[in-house]
Amino acid sequence: MSVFFDEDKPIFKQVKEKIEDQIVNRQLGEHEQVPSTTQMVKFYKVNHITISKGINLLVDEGIIYKKRGVGMFVAKNARYRLLRKRKKTFTTEYVLPLVEEAEKLGLSDKEVINMIKKVKECECDEF
């Protein structure tokens, strides 16, 4: 297995997420060409089918599009759509459980916000 990937998650999903990260981080802009499948195969040292499977998920979601004989490109508003999707996921996977646990502990909104601020400001292993 390649050193780029987590063993607990399918590689094609991780390939998809790595391309998404490049779009979110503005390393790939709208209508910019995505590295070819062959380039990714060589870089990640995984098979062609795995890369294609990850790419096809992005095509199906409208994040990238194919130009026959030319390559794959980032779709218009792809970054905006990815950010919107990730914020929704962040809310359900992190914020909602945080709010539920805070309620169980009887923490006020202000206390929770102060805890978040403290964690963001801290560069130590205090917690």
Foldseek 3Di string as FASTA:
>chain_A
DFPVDDPVDQVLQVLLVVVLVCDLVVVADFFRFDDALVVCCVVRVDDSVSPVSSVVVCVVVVQWHADPPPHIGGHPCSNVVSVVVVVVVCCVVPVVVVVVVCVVVVHDPVRVVVVVVVVVPDPDPPD
